[in-house]
Amino acid sequence: MELSFLYSIPRTEFLDSFFLAVTNIAGSYGQLWLAVGIFLLFFKKTRSTGIAVLISYIGVFVFGQFILKSLVSRPRPCHIDQAFELLVKRPSSSSFPSTHSAWAFGGATAIFMRFKKAGIVTFVAAALIAFSRMYMFLHFPTDVLAGMIMGIIFGITAVKICDLAAKRKAEGLNSR
C-alpha cells in the first residue's frame, strides 16, 4: 500500500528539479539544521533556540540515525524497486525512520516554540523536506510520519532542556 502511494505521486521535470533542490539544501545528513542552529547561536535573542535546534539535531542523529535505523533495518523503497529511476545516489542506510524529516521537524518545533512567525516558515520548509523524501522514492510515508513525530518530540524536549538550564542558571545567580 505504501509503495502504491509513492508510485501515485505525480512526477514532472519541474517537480524533479524542485525536490532535488530541496534535498540538496537539506543536506545528506540534514546539515541545513546544523547551520540554522549555529547561525542562531550568534545572536543573544536566539542563542537558546539555536542550542535547542542543535540538541534536537544530535538527539535525532544518535537515536534515529544510529539506534532506530539499525534496530528496524527496513529497506528503502528504492531498495525494493531498484528499477525506479532515482534523482540521487542510492543510499545504503535503511529507511525507518526518516531522519531528514526528524531533523527538519525538530528544528522547526524548537524555533516555533520561541518565535511563532519564524516557526511557521520553518514548518513549511520542514514539510517540503519531509515530502521530498517520499517524492525522491527514498522513504515510505510511515518513515516520514515517524520522523516528523520524533522530530517534534526532540524539538519540544530540547526547548524544555534549555528552559531548565536557564532556570537553574538564574537560580544559581540569585543565590549568590
Protein backbone atom coordinates (compact mmCIF):
# COMPACT_ATOMS: atom_id res chain seq x y z
CA MET A 1 0.00 0.00 0.00
CA GLU A 2 2.78 2.44 0.85
CA LEU A 3 4.58 1.66 -2.42
CA SER A 4 1.30 2.33 -4.25
CA PHE A 5 1.15 5.76 -2.63
CA LEU A 6 4.73 6.52 -3.70
CA TYR A 7 4.02 5.43 -7.27
CA SER A 8 0.92 7.66 -7.34
CA ILE A 9 2.88 10.86 -6.65
CA PRO A 10 2.87 12.90 -9.87
CA ARG A 11 6.37 13.47 -11.18
CA THR A 12 7.39 16.13 -13.68
CA GLU A 13 10.67 17.71 -14.73
CA PHE A 14 9.80 20.83 -12.71
CA LEU A 15 8.98 18.79 -9.57
CA ASP A 16 12.11 16.69 -10.09
CA SER A 17 14.22 19.86 -10.15
CA PHE A 18 12.34 21.42 -7.23
CA PHE A 19 12.57 18.42 -4.89
CA LEU A 20 16.16 17.72 -5.90
CA ALA A 21 16.94 21.32 -4.85
CA VAL A 22 15.06 20.79 -1.55
CA THR A 23 17.06 17.61 -0.95
CA ASN A 24 20.35 19.32 -1.75
CA ILE A 25 19.56 22.30 0.50
CA ALA A 26 18.64 19.97 3.40
CA GLY A 27 21.95 18.14 3.03
CA SER A 28 22.74 14.43 3.10
CA TYR A 29 22.66 14.45 6.91
CA GLY A 30 20.29 17.35 7.41
CA GLN A 31 23.18 19.83 7.64
CA LEU A 32 20.74 22.67 6.98
CA TRP A 33 19.55 22.33 10.58
CA LEU A 34 23.10 22.32 11.91
CA ALA A 35 23.69 25.56 10.01
CA VAL A 36 20.43 27.08 11.30
CA GLY A 37 21.30 26.11 14.88
CA ILE A 38 24.82 27.52 14.61
CA PHE A 39 23.53 30.72 12.97
CA LEU A 40 21.05 31.24 15.82
CA LEU A 41 23.90 30.99 18.35
CA PHE A 42 25.37 34.27 17.08
CA PHE A 43 22.54 36.40 18.47
CA LYS A 44 21.73 36.72 22.15
CA LYS A 45 17.97 36.78 21.47
CA THR A 46 18.09 33.46 19.55
CA ARG A 47 21.00 31.71 21.30
CA SER A 48 18.81 29.44 23.43
CA THR A 49 16.80 28.50 20.35
CA GLY A 50 20.00 27.68 18.48
CA ILE A 51 21.09 25.43 21.32
CA ALA A 52 17.68 23.72 21.25
CA VAL A 53 17.92 23.17 17.48
CA LEU A 54 21.38 21.63 17.95
CA ILE A 55 20.27 19.43 20.87
CA SER A 56 17.35 18.20 18.78
CA TYR A 57 19.68 17.53 15.83
CA ILE A 58 22.07 15.50 17.99
CA GLY A 59 19.18 13.55 19.56
CA VAL A 60 17.82 12.60 16.14
CA PHE A 61 21.31 11.74 14.90
CA VAL A 62 22.01 9.37 17.81
CA PHE A 63 18.54 7.90 18.36
CA GLY A 64 17.21 7.92 14.80
CA GLN A 65 20.25 7.54 12.56
CA PHE A 66 22.19 5.06 14.67
CA ILE A 67 19.81 3.27 17.02
CA LEU A 68 16.40 3.07 15.29
CA LYS A 69 17.67 2.60 11.72
CA SER A 70 19.86 -0.28 12.94
CA LEU A 71 17.14 -1.86 15.06
CA VAL A 72 14.34 -1.66 12.48
CA SER A 73 16.52 -2.18 9.39
CA ARG A 74 13.63 -1.53 7.00
CA PRO A 75 14.61 -1.49 3.32
CA ARG A 76 14.02 1.74 1.45
CA PRO A 77 11.51 1.90 -1.41
CA CYS A 78 14.45 2.32 -3.81
CA HIS A 79 15.96 -0.92 -2.46
CA ILE A 80 12.70 -2.79 -3.07
CA ASP A 81 12.16 -1.40 -6.59
CA GLN A 82 15.65 -0.96 -7.98
CA ALA A 83 14.23 -0.17 -11.42
CA PHE A 84 12.78 3.14 -10.17
CA GLU A 85 14.99 5.88 -11.60
CA LEU A 86 16.41 7.92 -8.73
CA LEU A 87 17.48 11.55 -8.93
CA VAL A 88 20.13 10.99 -6.26
CA LYS A 89 22.68 8.33 -5.41
CA ARG A 90 21.02 5.26 -3.89
CA PRO A 91 21.54 5.43 -0.09
CA SER A 92 22.91 2.39 1.69
CA SER A 93 21.23 3.03 5.04
CA SER A 94 17.82 1.69 6.00
CA SER A 95 14.56 3.56 5.69
CA PHE A 96 12.92 3.82 9.12
CA PRO A 97 12.70 6.49 10.40
CA SER A 98 13.24 9.39 8.02
CA THR A 99 15.91 11.30 9.91
CA HIS A 100 15.69 14.14 7.37
CA SER A 101 12.06 14.58 8.43
CA ALA A 102 13.03 14.31 12.08
CA TRP A 103 15.81 16.89 11.80
CA ALA A 104 13.50 19.26 9.95
CA PHE A 105 10.58 18.94 12.36
CA GLY A 106 12.87 19.03 15.39
CA GLY A 107 14.42 22.29 14.24
CA ALA A 108 11.07 23.76 13.21
CA THR A 109 9.48 22.82 16.54
CA ALA A 110 12.31 24.39 18.55
CA ILE A 111 12.05 27.59 16.52
CA PHE A 112 8.24 27.65 16.64
CA MET A 113 8.22 27.33 20.44
CA ARG A 114 10.22 30.57 20.70
CA PHE A 115 9.30 32.53 17.58
CA LYS A 116 5.85 31.70 16.15
CA LYS A 117 6.14 33.53 12.80
CA ALA A 118 9.59 32.17 12.00
CA GLY A 119 8.41 28.79 13.25
CA ILE A 120 5.58 28.71 10.73
CA VAL A 121 8.06 29.38 7.93
CA THR A 122 10.36 26.63 9.19
CA PHE A 123 7.42 24.20 9.45
CA VAL A 124 6.64 24.86 5.77
CA ALA A 125 10.29 24.13 4.96
CA ALA A 126 10.16 21.01 7.15
CA ALA A 127 7.02 19.78 5.37
CA LEU A 128 8.70 20.27 1.99
CA ILE A 129 11.75 18.34 3.18
CA ALA A 130 9.55 15.54 4.57
CA PHE A 131 7.55 15.26 1.34
CA SER A 132 10.73 15.35 -0.73
CA ARG A 133 11.84 12.12 0.96
CA MET A 134 8.80 10.35 -0.48
CA TYR A 135 8.98 12.15 -3.81
CA MET A 136 12.60 11.08 -4.19
CA PHE A 137 11.49 7.45 -3.53
CA LEU A 138 13.80 7.22 -0.52
CA HIS A 139 11.24 6.76 2.28
CA PHE A 140 7.82 5.29 2.87
CA PRO A 141 5.05 7.52 4.27
CA THR A 142 5.30 5.80 7.68
CA ASP A 143 9.05 6.51 7.77
CA VAL A 144 8.31 10.19 7.20
CA LEU A 145 5.46 10.25 9.74
CA ALA A 146 7.66 8.59 12.36
CA GLY A 147 10.42 11.08 11.60
CA MET A 148 8.03 14.00 11.94
CA ILE A 149 6.77 12.74 15.31
CA MET A 150 10.29 12.01 16.54
CA GLY A 151 11.45 15.45 15.46
CA ILE A 152 8.59 17.19 17.24
CA ILE A 153 9.32 15.22 20.41
CA PHE A 154 13.04 16.02 20.25
CA GLY A 155 12.31 19.69 19.46
CA ILE A 156 10.00 20.05 22.47
CA THR A 157 12.41 18.16 24.71
CA ALA A 158 15.35 20.30 23.59
CA VAL A 159 13.48 23.53 24.37
CA LYS A 160 12.48 22.19 27.79
CA ILE A 161 16.13 21.24 28.49
CA CYS A 162 17.20 24.79 27.56
CA ASP A 163 14.46 26.28 29.75
CA LEU A 164 15.51 24.10 32.69
CA ALA A 165 19.18 25.02 32.23
CA ALA A 166 18.29 28.74 32.08
CA LYS A 167 16.15 28.42 35.21
CA ARG A 168 18.92 26.65 37.11
CA LYS A 169 21.46 29.22 35.96
CA ALA A 170 19.17 32.05 37.13
CA GLU A 171 18.60 30.34 40.49
CA GLY A 172 22.35 29.89 40.89
CA LEU A 173 22.98 33.57 40.17
CA ASN A 174 20.22 34.63 42.56
CA SER A 175 21.64 32.55 45.43
CA ARG A 176 24.99 34.31 45.34
